[in-house]
Amino acid sequence: MKSSQIISLLLAIAMLFCFLPTAVNARYIGVEESQAQALKSLGLFKGVSDNNFDLERPATRVEAIVMLIRLIGYEEEALAVHRWHPFTDVPNWADDYIGFAYNEGLANGISDTEFGTGTVSSAMYLTFALRALGYDDSRGDFTWSNPYDLARQLNLIRWNVDLDNFLRADIVTVSLATIQAPQKEYPLAPLADWLIFKQVFTYDDYYYAMESIGESVGNMSNYRSLSTGQEDLTIYTLEEEPDEETVYITPSGVRYHIDPDCGGVNSYPVSLSEALRRGKTPCQKCVH
């Protein structure tokens, strides 16, 4: 074999090994794509287009704040009132979000005039997620530099979350886990309960979104609103009724059933009072 051929062969082998790490380290995000679609159906996540969620890049601080506002159910309020903020580096589309966050004390800038356009770390986003659940790092519930212990207790850090190379894909998974996690003040109610109460989405929307990704909804808690005397704030409490009768309903049906088989494959259990609250009437076949 000629020396030129040997050199060409060696170069080809070298180039092959140069490309191997990319192939080995490529991250599969099929799970996160499905989760993103579910969150999008609930109005909690948006991509750069209808079919592109841009999950393989890090999120910015601005994007993280927008997600926080959605998770606490105040996006409508944020967009309805145009609040001032002092930052000159905020994109126009995010002005109302950052103004709301700044005036409500949800976030500060990195200086008096800069909000910060850098990427968000896993610690920062987990801090936002824990705040959405009612935990307060300023009161010692956790520290902003180490939200990981509490986040793990609440199952916010799932198997596919990369804490070191934190991407929009990871924000999707953490956000999904957050709406399923219990709130600090209402440990029997997941955050989704609050978002349903705030009419961000309906129970049926939530049921279908979770079903689409193989997630279980389970029994949602009953709740009732309480007036606090403040126009922009409503809180709710749980009404525990452990001995109440369980019935079965479907997302689109108008009846409740005693026999789950009568309700069909899409039926799921709720308390009788919850079925009545949703306007369901007795099935004439199985309820006597």
Protein backbone atom coordinates (compact mmCIF):
# COMPACT_ATOMS: atom_id res chain seq x y z
CA MET A 1 0.00 0.00 0.00
CA LYS A 2 1.34 3.37 -0.96
CA SER A 3 2.18 5.88 1.74
CA SER A 4 -0.43 8.31 0.37
CA GLN A 5 -3.08 5.62 0.68
CA ILE A 6 -2.02 4.86 4.23
CA ILE A 7 -2.26 8.55 5.14
CA SER A 8 -5.71 8.81 3.54
CA LEU A 9 -6.86 5.74 5.47
CA LEU A 10 -5.56 7.13 8.76
CA LEU A 11 -7.26 10.46 8.12
CA ALA A 12 -10.55 8.70 7.39
CA ILE A 13 -10.28 6.71 10.64
CA ALA A 14 -9.45 9.88 12.58
CA MET A 15 -12.46 11.66 11.14
CA LEU A 16 -14.68 8.72 12.07
CA PHE A 17 -13.58 8.90 15.70
CA CYS A 18 -14.16 12.66 15.71
CA PHE A 19 -17.80 12.06 14.93
CA LEU A 20 -18.33 9.21 17.38
CA PRO A 21 -18.75 11.35 20.56
CA THR A 22 -21.56 13.32 18.95
CA ALA A 23 -23.42 10.15 18.13
CA VAL A 24 -22.81 8.63 21.55
CA ASN A 25 -23.74 11.77 23.47
CA ALA A 26 -26.79 12.67 21.39
CA ARG A 27 -29.78 12.99 23.70
CA TYR A 28 -33.09 11.36 22.87
CA ILE A 29 -35.94 13.74 23.73
CA GLY A 30 -38.95 11.78 22.47
CA VAL A 31 -40.38 11.56 26.00
CA GLU A 32 -40.01 15.30 26.53
CA GLU A 33 -41.60 16.05 23.15
CA SER A 34 -44.72 14.17 24.23
CA GLN A 35 -44.72 15.90 27.60
CA ALA A 36 -44.35 19.29 25.91
CA GLN A 37 -47.35 18.55 23.70
CA ALA A 38 -49.41 17.67 26.80
CA LEU A 39 -48.39 20.89 28.56
CA LYS A 40 -49.14 22.87 25.40
CA SER A 41 -52.67 21.45 25.33
CA LEU A 42 -53.12 22.89 28.84
CA GLY A 43 -51.76 26.30 27.84
CA LEU A 44 -48.65 25.91 29.99
CA PHE A 45 -45.91 25.59 27.37
CA LYS A 46 -45.25 27.03 23.95
CA GLY A 47 -42.62 26.39 21.31
CA VAL A 48 -41.14 28.48 18.57
CA SER A 49 -43.86 27.11 16.26
CA ASP A 50 -46.78 24.69 16.42
CA ASN A 51 -44.51 21.71 15.80
CA ASN A 52 -41.16 22.85 17.19
CA PHE A 53 -40.66 23.16 20.93
CA ASP A 54 -36.92 23.86 20.62
CA LEU A 55 -36.17 21.48 23.48
CA GLU A 56 -32.50 20.90 22.77
CA ARG A 57 -31.27 24.31 23.88
CA PRO A 58 -31.04 25.93 27.32
CA ALA A 59 -33.89 28.21 28.39
CA THR A 60 -33.38 31.88 29.16
CA ARG A 61 -34.22 33.62 32.44
CA VAL A 62 -37.11 35.34 30.69
CA GLU A 63 -38.56 32.02 29.49
CA ALA A 64 -38.25 30.59 32.99
CA ILE A 65 -40.18 33.52 34.50
CA VAL A 66 -42.93 33.15 31.91
CA MET A 67 -43.22 29.47 32.83
CA LEU A 68 -43.40 30.34 36.54
CA ILE A 69 -46.26 32.78 35.94
CA ARG A 70 -48.14 30.12 33.99
CA LEU A 71 -47.55 27.50 36.68
CA ILE A 72 -49.06 29.73 39.40
CA GLY A 73 -52.06 30.51 37.22
CA TYR A 74 -51.53 34.23 36.71
CA GLU A 75 -50.72 34.53 33.01
CA GLU A 76 -54.08 36.17 32.25
CA GLU A 77 -53.55 38.74 34.98
CA ALA A 78 -49.99 39.39 33.84
CA LEU A 79 -51.09 40.13 30.30
CA ALA A 80 -54.16 42.14 31.28
CA VAL A 81 -52.28 44.83 33.22
CA HIS A 82 -49.23 46.50 31.68
CA ARG A 83 -46.89 47.01 34.63
CA TRP A 84 -43.71 49.02 34.51
CA HIS A 85 -40.26 47.52 35.05
CA PRO A 86 -36.83 49.19 34.94
CA PHE A 87 -35.05 46.67 32.71
CA THR A 88 -33.78 47.61 29.26
CA ASP A 89 -32.85 44.12 28.04
CA VAL A 90 -36.30 42.49 28.10
CA PRO A 91 -37.75 41.54 24.70
CA ASN A 92 -40.99 43.31 23.81
CA TRP A 93 -43.07 40.14 23.89
CA ALA A 94 -42.08 39.52 27.53
CA ASP A 95 -42.58 43.06 28.91
CA ASP A 96 -45.90 42.29 30.62
CA TYR A 97 -44.60 39.06 32.14
CA ILE A 98 -41.48 40.66 33.57
CA GLY A 99 -43.42 43.70 34.74
CA PHE A 100 -45.81 41.43 36.62
CA ALA A 101 -43.00 39.33 38.10
CA TYR A 102 -41.02 42.41 39.16
CA ASN A 103 -43.97 44.18 40.80
CA GLU A 104 -45.19 41.02 42.54
CA GLY A 105 -41.73 40.25 43.92
CA LEU A 106 -41.35 37.03 41.97
CA ALA A 107 -38.03 37.99 40.40
CA ASN A 108 -35.39 40.71 40.40
CA GLY A 109 -32.85 41.71 37.81
CA ILE A 110 -29.12 41.18 37.82
CA SER A 111 -28.70 44.96 38.13
CA ASP A 112 -30.88 48.06 38.42
CA THR A 113 -31.41 48.18 34.66
CA GLU A 114 -30.76 44.62 33.46
CA PHE A 115 -33.02 41.67 34.03
CA GLY A 116 -30.50 39.24 32.58
CA THR A 117 -30.71 37.39 29.31
CA GLY A 118 -28.49 34.46 30.24
CA THR A 119 -29.55 30.86 30.50
CA VAL A 120 -31.39 29.42 33.47
CA SER A 121 -29.72 26.75 35.61
CA SER A 122 -31.42 23.72 37.13
CA ALA A 123 -31.14 25.31 40.59
CA MET A 124 -32.85 28.47 39.39
CA TYR A 125 -35.73 26.70 37.69
CA LEU A 126 -36.28 24.26 40.57
CA THR A 127 -36.41 27.31 42.85
CA PHE A 128 -39.18 28.76 40.66
CA ALA A 129 -41.03 25.42 40.68
CA LEU A 130 -40.88 25.17 44.48
CA ARG A 131 -42.13 28.75 44.81
CA ALA A 132 -45.03 27.85 42.54
CA LEU A 133 -45.92 25.10 45.03
CA GLY A 134 -45.91 27.62 47.89
CA TYR A 135 -42.46 26.97 49.33
CA ASP A 136 -40.49 30.05 50.33
CA ASP A 137 -36.69 30.11 50.30
CA SER A 138 -36.72 33.45 52.16
CA ARG A 139 -38.44 31.69 55.08
CA GLY A 140 -36.11 28.72 55.19
CA ASP A 141 -38.16 26.09 53.35
CA PHE A 142 -35.08 25.56 51.16
CA THR A 143 -32.13 27.54 49.86
CA TRP A 144 -31.93 28.94 46.33
CA SER A 145 -28.46 27.43 45.98
CA ASN A 146 -29.70 23.97 46.95
CA PRO A 147 -33.32 23.32 45.99
CA TYR A 148 -32.44 19.75 45.06
CA ASP A 149 -33.23 17.99 48.36
CA LEU A 150 -36.76 19.34 48.61
CA ALA A 151 -37.31 18.93 44.86
CA ARG A 152 -36.37 15.25 45.13
CA GLN A 153 -38.75 14.77 48.09
CA LEU A 154 -41.55 16.14 45.92
CA ASN A 155 -40.47 14.03 42.91
CA LEU A 156 -39.77 17.07 40.74
CA ILE A 157 -36.49 15.58 39.52
CA ARG A 158 -37.37 12.58 37.40
CA TRP A 159 -35.03 10.06 35.81
CA ASN A 160 -34.67 11.97 32.54
CA VAL A 161 -33.77 15.38 34.01
CA ASP A 162 -30.16 16.46 33.39
CA LEU A 163 -29.27 18.86 36.19
CA ASP A 164 -25.87 19.74 34.76
CA ASN A 165 -26.83 20.37 31.14
CA PHE A 166 -30.27 21.84 31.84
CA LEU A 167 -32.29 22.31 28.65
CA ARG A 168 -35.81 23.32 27.72
CA ALA A 169 -36.49 19.58 27.60
CA ASP A 170 -35.71 19.43 31.33
CA ILE A 171 -37.97 22.43 32.01
CA VAL A 172 -40.79 20.46 30.41
CA THR A 173 -40.28 17.43 32.66
CA VAL A 174 -39.86 19.50 35.84
CA SER A 175 -42.95 21.56 34.97
CA LEU A 176 -45.03 18.43 34.39
CA ALA A 177 -43.91 17.02 37.72
CA THR A 178 -44.67 20.35 39.40
CA ILE A 179 -48.34 20.48 38.41
CA GLN A 180 -48.69 16.93 39.73
CA ALA A 181 -46.94 17.69 43.03
CA PRO A 182 -48.74 18.61 46.27
CA GLN A 183 -48.84 22.22 47.40
CA LYS A 184 -47.26 23.21 50.68
CA GLU A 185 -50.43 24.63 52.23
CA TYR A 186 -52.73 22.00 50.68
CA PRO A 187 -50.80 18.71 50.74
CA LEU A 188 -53.78 16.71 49.48
CA ALA A 189 -54.14 18.89 46.39
CA PRO A 190 -51.73 18.89 43.46
CA LEU A 191 -50.93 22.19 41.79
CA ALA A 192 -53.19 21.12 38.91
CA ASP A 193 -56.10 21.44 41.34
CA TRP A 194 -55.30 25.14 41.78
CA LEU A 195 -54.97 25.67 38.03
CA ILE A 196 -58.35 24.05 37.46
CA PHE A 197 -59.79 26.25 40.19
CA LYS A 198 -58.27 29.28 38.46
CA GLN A 199 -59.86 28.07 35.20
CA VAL A 200 -56.51 27.88 33.46
CA PHE A 201 -57.75 24.55 32.12
CA THR A 202 -60.58 22.16 32.92
CA TYR A 203 -60.44 18.83 34.67
CA ASP A 204 -61.30 17.09 31.42
CA ASP A 205 -58.46 18.92 29.65
CA TYR A 206 -56.10 17.74 32.37
CA TYR A 207 -57.39 14.18 32.21
CA TYR A 208 -56.91 13.93 28.46
CA ALA A 209 -53.46 15.56 28.59
CA MET A 210 -52.20 13.12 31.22
CA GLU A 211 -53.79 10.16 29.46
CA SER A 212 -51.99 11.10 26.25
CA ILE A 213 -48.61 10.54 27.93
CA GLY A 214 -49.59 7.58 30.08
CA GLU A 215 -49.75 9.55 33.34
CA SER A 216 -52.35 8.80 36.01
CA VAL A 217 -54.62 11.57 37.24
CA GLY A 218 -56.06 9.85 40.30
CA ASN A 219 -58.66 11.41 42.56
CA MET A 220 -58.65 15.20 42.51
CA SER A 221 -59.55 16.91 45.75
CA ASN A 222 -62.74 18.80 46.43
CA TYR A 223 -62.31 22.49 47.11
CA ARG A 224 -64.30 25.62 47.75
CA SER A 225 -63.35 29.25 47.32
CA LEU A 226 -62.96 31.70 50.15
CA SER A 227 -63.17 35.44 49.81
CA THR A 228 -60.12 37.22 51.18
CA GLY A 229 -61.33 40.75 50.58
CA GLN A 230 -58.66 41.27 47.89
CA GLU A 231 -59.82 41.56 44.32
CA ASP A 232 -56.73 39.95 42.83
CA LEU A 233 -56.38 37.00 45.19
CA THR A 234 -58.53 33.94 45.83
CA ILE A 235 -57.55 31.04 48.03
CA TYR A 236 -59.19 27.72 48.50
CA THR A 237 -59.35 25.00 51.11
CA LEU A 238 -59.91 21.30 50.89
CA GLU A 239 -63.05 19.63 52.12
CA GLU A 240 -62.15 16.14 53.20
CA GLU A 241 -64.99 13.64 53.00
CA PRO A 242 -63.34 10.27 53.60
CA ASP A 243 -66.60 8.35 54.01
CA GLU A 244 -68.30 9.76 50.93
CA GLU A 245 -69.54 7.46 48.22
CA THR A 246 -67.31 6.95 45.18
CA VAL A 247 -68.89 7.14 41.74
CA TYR A 248 -67.51 6.99 38.20
CA ILE A 249 -67.65 9.59 35.45
CA THR A 250 -66.15 10.11 32.01
CA PRO A 251 -64.55 13.33 30.69
CA SER A 252 -67.32 14.01 28.18
CA GLY A 253 -70.29 12.18 29.70
CA VAL A 254 -73.18 13.85 31.52
CA ARG A 255 -73.94 10.95 33.90
CA TYR A 256 -72.29 9.45 36.94
CA HIS A 257 -72.23 5.70 37.52
CA ILE A 258 -72.08 3.32 40.44
CA ASP A 259 -70.73 0.53 38.23
CA PRO A 260 -67.40 1.47 36.57
CA ASP A 261 -68.13 -0.97 33.72
CA CYS A 262 -71.28 0.96 32.93
CA GLY A 263 -69.20 4.09 32.46
CA GLY A 264 -66.93 2.41 29.95
CA VAL A 265 -63.17 2.29 29.49
CA ASN A 266 -62.71 6.05 29.99
CA SER A 267 -64.48 6.22 33.35
CA TYR A 268 -62.56 7.26 36.45
CA PRO A 269 -63.48 7.52 40.15
CA VAL A 270 -64.51 10.72 41.92
CA SER A 271 -66.53 11.49 45.03
CA LEU A 272 -70.29 11.86 44.63
CA SER A 273 -70.13 15.54 45.61
CA GLU A 274 -67.47 16.16 42.97
CA ALA A 275 -69.65 14.51 40.31
CA LEU A 276 -72.58 16.68 41.34
CA ARG A 277 -70.38 19.78 41.36
CA ARG A 278 -69.52 19.09 37.73
CA GLY A 279 -73.19 18.88 36.83
CA LYS A 280 -73.31 15.11 36.37
CA THR A 281 -76.70 13.41 36.79
CA PRO A 282 -77.42 9.80 37.85
CA CYS A 283 -77.16 7.05 35.27
CA GLN A 284 -80.65 5.61 34.82
CA LYS A 285 -79.21 2.15 34.25
CA CYS A 286 -76.90 1.54 37.22
CA VAL A 287 -77.94 4.16 39.80
CA HIS A 288 -81.10 3.26 41.64
